[in-house]
Amino acid sequence: MFWNFTYKGFLRFSAHARGGPTTQSGILYQNSIAALFLGRMLDPVSRPARYRVAEVRVEAPIHVDGIVVIFEDGHTAYIQAKENIEPRGEVWEKLWKSLQAQFNSLEFKRRHDRLVLHLGVIRQQYVDDLRKEWDRRLRLASWSP
């Protein structure tokens, strides 16, 4: 298996032999994103506090079960990493339920914290579906401040 950093900043994974469970591939994708933030912690380049990583947690016991990154200015990014997702089905619904639950949780500081969806494979035909779904769900009463 090798990593390929593309010019657009996306991380792709290739395997010479498929056959590992999809779950393991997704975990590798998530851990690789976490590693990028861990690398940012070690990077000596001077940055404003809003970009300096203070803490990284993977599989944190919260609604968004991906990656939690706390920055030095105090804001938190709750990152859901999906190597591949289609805009329908059980995984899709679970994704939105977890984002909504995190948004409505007591620890989420609205207008300060961020919900982030990292996608490994972006199919152009799904981009519009993602945008429409995001807009639709933000209009729901339970997502309102």
C-alpha atoms as a PDB file:
ATOM      1  CA  MET A   1       0.000   0.000   0.000  1.00  0.00           C
ATOM      2  CA  PHE A   2       1.264   3.505  -0.747  1.00  0.00           C
ATOM      3  CA  TRP A   3       0.122   7.064  -0.128  1.00  0.00           C
ATOM      4  CA  ASN A   4      -0.225   9.581  -2.880  1.00  0.00           C
ATOM      5  CA  PHE A   5      -0.511  13.271  -2.005  1.00  0.00           C
ATOM      6  CA  THR A   6      -2.201  14.960  -4.919  1.00  0.00           C
ATOM      7  CA  TYR A   7      -1.785  18.581  -5.943  1.00  0.00           C
ATOM      8  CA  LYS A   8      -5.283  19.363  -4.655  1.00  0.00           C
ATOM      9  CA  GLY A   9      -4.322  18.282  -1.161  1.00  0.00           C
ATOM     10  CA  PHE A  10      -6.455  15.168  -1.097  1.00  0.00           C
ATOM     11  CA  LEU A  11      -5.006  11.974   0.252  1.00  0.00           C
ATOM     12  CA  ARG A  12      -5.570   8.883  -1.843  1.00  0.00           C
ATOM     13  CA  PHE A  13      -4.837   5.309  -1.016  1.00  0.00           C
ATOM     14  CA  SER A  14      -3.998   2.617  -3.462  1.00  0.00           C
ATOM     15  CA  ALA A  15      -3.521  -1.032  -2.789  1.00  0.00           C
ATOM     16  CA  HIS A  16      -1.867  -3.547  -5.023  1.00  0.00           C
ATOM     17  CA  ALA A  17      -4.260  -6.174  -3.767  1.00  0.00           C
ATOM     18  CA  ARG A  18      -7.804  -5.431  -2.720  1.00  0.00           C
ATOM     19  CA  GLY A  19      -9.492  -7.749  -0.317  1.00  0.00           C
ATOM     20  CA  GLY A  20      -9.152  -6.055   3.044  1.00  0.00           C
ATOM     21  CA  PRO A  21     -12.418  -5.119   4.696  1.00  0.00           C
ATOM     22  CA  THR A  22     -13.902  -1.766   3.768  1.00  0.00           C
ATOM     23  CA  THR A  23     -13.898  -0.861   7.433  1.00  0.00           C
ATOM     24  CA  GLN A  24     -10.132  -1.205   7.675  1.00  0.00           C
ATOM     25  CA  SER A  25      -9.676   1.041   4.654  1.00  0.00           C
ATOM     26  CA  GLY A  26     -11.920   3.660   6.265  1.00  0.00           C
ATOM     27  CA  ILE A  27      -9.970   3.479   9.516  1.00  0.00           C
ATOM     28  CA  LEU A  28      -6.715   3.940   7.600  1.00  0.00           C
ATOM     29  CA  TYR A  29      -8.199   6.982   5.861  1.00  0.00           C
ATOM     30  CA  GLN A  30      -9.364   8.487   9.159  1.00  0.00           C
ATOM     31  CA  ASN A  31      -6.047   7.825  10.894  1.00  0.00           C
ATOM     32  CA  SER A  32      -4.168   9.392   7.985  1.00  0.00           C
ATOM     33  CA  ILE A  33      -6.168  12.601   8.334  1.00  0.00           C
ATOM     34  CA  ALA A  34      -5.430  12.591  12.066  1.00  0.00           C
ATOM     35  CA  ALA A  35      -1.733  12.108  11.261  1.00  0.00           C
ATOM     36  CA  LEU A  36      -1.807  15.222   9.079  1.00  0.00           C
ATOM     37  CA  PHE A  37      -3.063  17.259  12.046  1.00  0.00           C
ATOM     38  CA  LEU A  38      -0.474  15.640  14.319  1.00  0.00           C
ATOM     39  CA  GLY A  39       2.165  16.674  11.791  1.00  0.00           C
ATOM     40  CA  ARG A  40       0.837  20.234  11.986  1.00  0.00           C
ATOM     41  CA  MET A  41       1.484  20.145  15.740  1.00  0.00           C
ATOM     42  CA  LEU A  42       5.164  19.399  15.023  1.00  0.00           C
ATOM     43  CA  ASP A  43       5.505  21.912  12.201  1.00  0.00           C
ATOM     44  CA  PRO A  44       7.696  24.833  13.373  1.00  0.00           C
ATOM     45  CA  VAL A  45       6.082  27.332  10.962  1.00  0.00           C
ATOM     46  CA  SER A  46       4.564  30.273  12.814  1.00  0.00           C
ATOM     47  CA  ARG A  47       0.775  30.481  12.412  1.00  0.00           C
ATOM     48  CA  PRO A  48      -2.082  32.396  14.022  1.00  0.00           C
ATOM     49  CA  ALA A  49      -3.630  30.613  17.040  1.00  0.00           C
ATOM     50  CA  ARG A  50      -6.723  29.652  15.026  1.00  0.00           C
ATOM     51  CA  TYR A  51      -4.486  27.436  12.857  1.00  0.00           C
ATOM     52  CA  ARG A  52      -2.172  26.024  15.546  1.00  0.00           C
ATOM     53  CA  VAL A  53      -3.215  22.527  16.604  1.00  0.00           C
ATOM     54  CA  ALA A  54      -3.172  21.960  20.367  1.00  0.00           C
ATOM     55  CA  GLU A  55      -4.785  18.506  20.613  1.00  0.00           C
ATOM     56  CA  VAL A  56      -5.899  15.672  18.341  1.00  0.00           C
ATOM     57  CA  ARG A  57      -8.203  12.835  19.373  1.00  0.00           C
ATOM     58  CA  VAL A  58      -9.291   9.897  17.257  1.00  0.00           C
ATOM     59  CA  GLU A  59     -12.461   7.919  17.994  1.00  0.00           C
ATOM     60  CA  ALA A  60     -13.406  10.350  20.731  1.00  0.00           C
ATOM     61  CA  PRO A  61     -16.489   9.340  22.749  1.00  0.00           C
ATOM     62  CA  ILE A  62     -18.725  12.001  21.204  1.00  0.00           C
ATOM     63  CA  HIS A  63     -21.435  12.099  18.541  1.00  0.00           C
ATOM     64  CA  VAL A  64     -19.048  12.631  15.625  1.00  0.00           C
ATOM     65  CA  ASP A  65     -16.904   9.543  16.118  1.00  0.00           C
ATOM     66  CA  GLY A  66     -14.098  10.586  13.826  1.00  0.00           C
ATOM     67  CA  ILE A  67     -11.422  13.093  14.760  1.00  0.00           C
ATOM     68  CA  VAL A  68     -11.530  15.963  17.221  1.00  0.00           C
ATOM     69  CA  VAL A  69      -8.963  18.724  16.725  1.00  0.00           C
ATOM     70  CA  ILE A  70      -8.632  21.484  19.302  1.00  0.00           C
ATOM     71  CA  PHE A  71      -6.830  24.618  18.193  1.00  0.00           C
ATOM     72  CA  GLU A  72      -4.871  27.024  20.367  1.00  0.00           C
ATOM     73  CA  ASP A  73      -7.516  29.742  20.078  1.00  0.00           C
ATOM     74  CA  GLY A  74      -9.962  27.339  21.772  1.00  0.00           C
ATOM     75  CA  HIS A  75     -12.162  26.339  18.857  1.00  0.00           C
ATOM     76  CA  THR A  76     -12.729  22.702  18.028  1.00  0.00           C
ATOM     77  CA  ALA A  77     -13.124  20.961  14.677  1.00  0.00           C
ATOM     78  CA  TYR A  78     -15.281  17.829  14.818  1.00  0.00           C
ATOM     79  CA  ILE A  79     -14.180  15.889  11.764  1.00  0.00           C
ATOM     80  CA  GLN A  80     -16.106  13.060  10.190  1.00  0.00           C
ATOM     81  CA  ALA A  81     -13.875  11.257   7.688  1.00  0.00           C
ATOM     82  CA  LYS A  82     -15.485   9.183   4.971  1.00  0.00           C
ATOM     83  CA  GLU A  83     -13.304   7.569   2.380  1.00  0.00           C
ATOM     84  CA  ASN A  84     -16.315   6.976   0.176  1.00  0.00           C
ATOM     85  CA  ILE A  85     -20.008   7.714   0.708  1.00  0.00           C
ATOM     86  CA  GLU A  86     -23.119   7.770  -1.424  1.00  0.00           C
ATOM     87  CA  PRO A  87     -25.922  10.268  -0.757  1.00  0.00           C
ATOM     88  CA  ARG A  88     -28.426   7.648   0.366  1.00  0.00           C
ATOM     89  CA  GLY A  89     -28.724   4.675   2.642  1.00  0.00           C
ATOM     90  CA  GLU A  90     -27.916   3.811   6.242  1.00  0.00           C
ATOM     91  CA  VAL A  91     -24.372   5.244   6.353  1.00  0.00           C
ATOM     92  CA  TRP A  92     -25.609   8.517   4.848  1.00  0.00           C
ATOM     93  CA  GLU A  93     -28.407   8.855   7.413  1.00  0.00           C
ATOM     94  CA  LYS A  94     -26.103   7.942  10.300  1.00  0.00           C
ATOM     95  CA  LEU A  95     -23.635  10.607   9.156  1.00  0.00           C
ATOM     96  CA  TRP A  96     -26.258  13.363   9.276  1.00  0.00           C
ATOM     97  CA  LYS A  97     -27.674  12.181  12.596  1.00  0.00           C
ATOM     98  CA  SER A  98     -24.228  12.270  14.197  1.00  0.00           C
ATOM     99  CA  LEU A  99     -23.454  15.740  12.780  1.00  0.00           C
ATOM    100  CA  GLN A 100     -26.798  17.042  14.005  1.00  0.00           C
ATOM    101  CA  ALA A 101     -26.339  15.500  17.458  1.00  0.00           C
ATOM    102  CA  GLN A 102     -22.875  17.071  17.740  1.00  0.00           C
ATOM    103  CA  PHE A 103     -24.191  20.445  16.594  1.00  0.00           C
ATOM    104  CA  ASN A 104     -26.935  20.323  19.235  1.00  0.00           C
ATOM    105  CA  SER A 105     -24.678  19.013  22.029  1.00  0.00           C
ATOM    106  CA  LEU A 106     -23.733  21.148  25.019  1.00  0.00           C
ATOM    107  CA  GLU A 107     -20.008  20.996  24.199  1.00  0.00           C
ATOM    108  CA  PHE A 108     -20.464  22.424  20.685  1.00  0.00           C
ATOM    109  CA  LYS A 109     -19.852  26.177  20.690  1.00  0.00           C
ATOM    110  CA  ARG A 110     -21.904  27.564  17.825  1.00  0.00           C
ATOM    111  CA  ARG A 111     -20.283  30.246  15.702  1.00  0.00           C
ATOM    112  CA  HIS A 112     -16.929  29.093  17.084  1.00  0.00           C
ATOM    113  CA  ASP A 113     -16.564  25.327  16.581  1.00  0.00           C
ATOM    114  CA  ARG A 114     -16.757  23.602  13.212  1.00  0.00           C
ATOM    115  CA  LEU A 115     -18.263  20.446  11.789  1.00  0.00           C
ATOM    116  CA  VAL A 116     -15.989  19.113   9.054  1.00  0.00           C
ATOM    117  CA  LEU A 117     -16.667  16.384   6.530  1.00  0.00           C
ATOM    118  CA  HIS A 118     -13.475  15.005   4.948  1.00  0.00           C
ATOM    119  CA  LEU A 119     -14.189  12.997   1.812  1.00  0.00           C
ATOM    120  CA  GLY A 120     -11.606  10.761   0.198  1.00  0.00           C
ATOM    121  CA  VAL A 121     -13.480  10.098  -3.017  1.00  0.00           C
ATOM    122  CA  ILE A 122     -15.494  12.971  -4.353  1.00  0.00           C
ATOM    123  CA  ARG A 123     -17.836  11.989  -7.125  1.00  0.00           C
ATOM    124  CA  GLN A 124     -18.980  15.061  -8.986  1.00  0.00           C
ATOM    125  CA  GLN A 125     -22.512  13.724  -9.275  1.00  0.00           C
ATOM    126  CA  TYR A 126     -22.716  13.655  -5.443  1.00  0.00           C
ATOM    127  CA  VAL A 127     -21.390  17.171  -4.807  1.00  0.00           C
ATOM    128  CA  ASP A 128     -24.732  18.810  -5.592  1.00  0.00           C
ATOM    129  CA  ASP A 129     -26.529  16.203  -3.453  1.00  0.00           C
ATOM    130  CA  LEU A 130     -24.205  16.991  -0.532  1.00  0.00           C
ATOM    131  CA  ARG A 131     -24.755  20.733  -0.870  1.00  0.00           C
ATOM    132  CA  LYS A 132     -28.525  20.378  -1.134  1.00  0.00           C
ATOM    133  CA  GLU A 133     -28.656  18.035   1.846  1.00  0.00           C
ATOM    134  CA  TRP A 134     -26.458  20.344   3.927  1.00  0.00           C
ATOM    135  CA  ASP A 135     -28.664  23.348   3.095  1.00  0.00           C
ATOM    136  CA  ARG A 136     -31.848  21.374   3.765  1.00  0.00           C
ATOM    137  CA  ARG A 137     -30.668  20.106   7.120  1.00  0.00           C
ATOM    138  CA  LEU A 138     -29.427  23.523   8.227  1.00  0.00           C
ATOM    139  CA  ARG A 139     -32.948  24.841   7.679  1.00  0.00           C
ATOM    140  CA  LEU A 140     -34.421  22.244  10.015  1.00  0.00           C
ATOM    141  CA  ALA A 141     -35.587  23.626  13.343  1.00  0.00           C
ATOM    142  CA  SER A 142     -33.380  21.261  15.338  1.00  0.00           C
ATOM    143  CA  TRP A 143     -30.251  22.697  13.677  1.00  0.00           C
ATOM    144  CA  SER A 144     -31.199  26.324  14.349  1.00  0.00           C
ATOM    145  CA  PRO A 145     -29.354  28.334  17.015  1.00  0.00           C
END
